[in-house]
Amino acid sequence: MSRYRAPQKPSSNYVTAEGRQRLRDEVYQLWKVERPVVTQAVSDAAAQGDRSENADYIYGKRRLREIDSRVRYLSKRLENFIVVDRPPEDPTRVFFAAFVSVEFENSAGVLTQARYRIVGADELDPSLGYISVDSPLARELIGKRVDDEVSVSTPTGVIDYAIVDIEYAQG
């Protein structure tokens, strides 16, 4: 019996130059630094004898599979990326790689300001305010200008955002 997974819409292939470098660094870290250490640990654990009850061996093999899977995934993604490394012709509009400052009313009814950067799906990092170009908010913001308003449906209701500022990184 297999697990059925509904087909997913493929994520966009756009990436910033910094994001591509970060992913290349991750591949290097996994393949050249972490994998040799784990391989040596698995080899040492295998030399101890009975592998069926050897936790170091079992978890080491599992970690090797995780590393190999992630490296394979990233290698395929890196081949197909479209790198966006310069600002758009019209910097007054929101496009990929823009830093967008917005105002909205939070759940407590207080006017709140937030700053997001629209990046590729592989660069997503909420702690830095990086949102995927495929996210509902980013899709609504694309093409808009300062003082435009957008509405985004969320599980808790509709949130109205007003664009306050648009910036692009200096490359």
Protein backbone atom coordinates (compact mmCIF):
# COMPACT_ATOMS: atom_id res chain seq x y z
CA MET A 1 0.00 0.00 0.00
CA SER A 2 1.48 3.33 -1.00
CA ARG A 3 0.86 6.80 0.31
CA TYR A 4 -0.94 8.98 -2.17
CA ARG A 5 0.32 12.52 -2.53
CA ALA A 6 -1.80 14.94 -4.47
CA PRO A 7 0.13 16.66 -7.25
CA GLN A 8 1.50 20.03 -6.21
CA LYS A 9 1.91 23.07 -8.36
CA PRO A 10 5.66 23.41 -8.99
CA SER A 11 7.29 26.35 -7.25
CA SER A 12 8.79 29.13 -9.32
CA ASN A 13 12.37 28.82 -10.54
CA TYR A 14 13.29 32.41 -9.69
CA VAL A 15 16.04 33.05 -7.17
CA THR A 16 18.12 36.02 -6.08
CA ALA A 17 21.89 35.92 -6.55
CA GLU A 18 22.34 35.78 -2.75
CA GLY A 19 19.85 32.93 -2.51
CA ARG A 20 21.62 30.91 -5.19
CA GLN A 21 24.94 31.38 -3.38
CA ARG A 22 23.38 30.34 -0.05
CA LEU A 23 22.05 27.15 -1.65
CA ARG A 24 25.43 26.42 -3.28
CA ASP A 25 27.05 26.87 0.13
CA GLU A 26 24.55 24.45 1.64
CA VAL A 27 25.38 21.81 -1.00
CA TYR A 28 29.10 22.29 -0.31
CA GLN A 29 28.57 22.06 3.47
CA LEU A 30 26.51 18.89 3.16
CA TRP A 31 28.66 17.14 0.55
CA LYS A 32 32.21 18.16 1.47
CA VAL A 33 31.97 18.73 5.23
CA GLU A 34 29.06 16.88 6.82
CA ARG A 35 28.84 13.77 4.63
CA PRO A 36 32.48 12.65 5.15
CA VAL A 37 32.07 12.95 8.94
CA VAL A 38 28.84 10.92 8.92
CA THR A 39 30.37 8.35 6.54
CA GLN A 40 33.30 7.86 8.91
CA ALA A 41 30.93 7.51 11.89
CA VAL A 42 28.90 4.86 10.02
CA SER A 43 32.09 3.03 9.08
CA ASP A 44 33.29 3.05 12.70
CA ALA A 45 29.88 1.86 13.92
CA ALA A 46 29.82 -0.95 11.34
CA ALA A 47 33.23 -2.14 12.55
CA GLN A 48 31.77 -2.71 16.02
CA GLY A 49 29.83 -5.75 14.86
CA ASP A 50 26.07 -6.33 15.11
CA ARG A 51 24.45 -3.61 13.00
CA SER A 52 20.84 -4.50 13.77
CA GLU A 53 20.98 -3.01 17.27
CA ASN A 54 23.70 -0.42 16.69
CA ALA A 55 22.04 3.01 17.03
CA ASP A 56 25.09 4.89 15.68
CA TYR A 57 24.99 2.77 12.54
CA ILE A 58 21.21 3.02 12.05
CA TYR A 59 20.99 6.77 12.61
CA GLY A 60 24.17 7.40 10.63
CA LYS A 61 22.73 5.57 7.62
CA ARG A 62 19.50 7.54 7.98
CA ARG A 63 21.46 10.83 8.08
CA LEU A 64 23.40 9.79 4.96
CA ARG A 65 20.10 9.21 3.13
CA GLU A 66 18.86 12.64 4.26
CA ILE A 67 22.06 14.32 3.09
CA ASP A 68 22.03 12.53 -0.27
CA SER A 69 18.37 13.37 -0.81
CA ARG A 70 18.86 17.07 0.00
CA VAL A 71 21.97 17.32 -2.21
CA ARG A 72 20.11 15.64 -5.09
CA TYR A 73 17.15 18.02 -4.69
CA LEU A 74 19.33 21.14 -4.48
CA SER A 75 21.50 20.07 -7.43
CA LYS A 76 18.42 19.70 -9.64
CA ARG A 77 17.01 23.03 -8.45
CA LEU A 78 20.32 24.85 -9.00
CA GLU A 79 20.40 23.66 -12.64
CA ASN A 80 16.98 25.16 -13.37
CA PHE A 81 17.14 28.47 -11.49
CA ILE A 82 16.52 31.78 -13.20
CA VAL A 83 18.73 34.23 -11.30
CA VAL A 84 17.33 37.74 -10.84
CA ASP A 85 20.38 39.87 -10.09
CA ARG A 86 19.38 43.38 -11.15
CA PRO A 87 16.52 45.73 -10.33
CA PRO A 88 13.56 45.98 -12.70
CA GLU A 89 13.13 48.71 -15.32
CA ASP A 90 10.41 50.33 -13.18
CA PRO A 91 11.60 50.38 -9.54
CA THR A 92 8.40 52.15 -8.44
CA ARG A 93 6.47 48.88 -8.77
CA VAL A 94 6.74 45.66 -6.76
CA PHE A 95 8.53 42.84 -8.56
CA PHE A 96 10.61 39.82 -7.60
CA ALA A 97 13.42 40.60 -5.07
CA ALA A 98 11.72 43.80 -3.85
CA PHE A 99 11.75 44.86 -0.22
CA VAL A 100 8.18 45.96 0.46
CA SER A 101 7.05 47.85 3.56
CA VAL A 102 3.35 47.49 4.31
CA GLU A 103 0.90 48.64 6.94
CA PHE A 104 -1.99 46.54 8.17
CA GLU A 105 -4.29 46.19 11.14
CA ASN A 106 -3.25 43.26 13.34
CA SER A 107 -5.69 40.97 15.19
CA ALA A 108 -5.80 43.40 18.13
CA GLY A 109 -6.84 46.24 15.83
CA VAL A 110 -3.49 48.04 16.08
CA LEU A 111 -1.95 49.52 12.94
CA THR A 112 1.25 47.54 12.34
CA GLN A 113 4.07 47.95 9.87
CA ALA A 114 6.06 45.05 8.38
CA ARG A 115 8.82 44.72 5.80
CA TYR A 116 8.96 41.75 3.45
CA ARG A 117 11.26 40.69 0.65
CA ILE A 118 9.78 38.73 -2.22
CA VAL A 119 12.13 35.82 -2.97
CA GLY A 120 12.08 32.36 -4.54
CA ALA A 121 10.48 29.41 -2.77
CA ASP A 122 13.89 27.96 -1.89
CA GLU A 123 14.96 31.17 -0.12
CA LEU A 124 11.94 31.43 2.17
CA ASP A 125 12.91 32.67 5.64
CA PRO A 126 10.13 34.18 7.79
CA SER A 127 12.61 35.30 10.47
CA LEU A 128 14.19 37.68 7.91
CA GLY A 129 10.83 38.67 6.42
CA TYR A 130 11.53 36.74 3.20
CA ILE A 131 8.28 35.53 1.65
CA SER A 132 7.91 33.28 -1.36
CA VAL A 133 6.92 34.79 -4.69
CA ASP A 134 4.30 32.00 -4.74
CA SER A 135 2.67 33.11 -1.47
CA PRO A 136 -0.77 34.76 -1.54
CA LEU A 137 0.60 38.06 -0.18
CA ALA A 138 3.42 38.23 -2.74
CA ARG A 139 1.07 37.38 -5.60
CA GLU A 140 -1.17 40.27 -4.56
CA LEU A 141 1.76 42.70 -4.17
CA ILE A 142 3.40 41.98 -7.54
CA GLY A 143 2.90 44.90 -9.93
CA LYS A 144 1.54 47.30 -7.29
CA ARG A 145 2.93 50.75 -6.36
CA VAL A 146 3.33 52.78 -3.17
CA ASP A 147 -0.06 53.70 -1.64
CA ASP A 148 -1.83 50.80 -3.41
CA GLU A 149 -3.87 48.52 -1.20
CA VAL A 150 -4.25 44.75 -1.44
CA SER A 151 -6.46 42.27 0.40
CA VAL A 152 -5.32 38.78 1.31
CA SER A 153 -7.56 35.99 2.58
CA THR A 154 -6.18 34.15 5.59
CA PRO A 155 -7.66 31.39 7.76
CA THR A 156 -8.58 34.09 10.33
CA GLY A 157 -10.16 36.43 7.79
CA VAL A 158 -9.21 39.02 5.20
CA ILE A 159 -6.26 41.33 5.91
CA ASP A 160 -5.92 44.63 4.05
CA TYR A 161 -2.35 45.80 3.40
CA ALA A 162 -1.28 49.27 2.27
CA ILE A 163 2.10 49.56 0.51
CA VAL A 164 4.25 52.17 2.24
CA ASP A 165 7.66 51.73 0.54
CA ILE A 166 9.37 49.72 -2.18
CA GLU A 167 13.14 49.18 -2.36
CA TYR A 168 15.52 46.99 -4.31
CA ALA A 169 18.95 45.77 -3.14
CA GLN A 170 21.87 47.53 -4.72
CA GLY A 171 23.70 44.89 -6.77
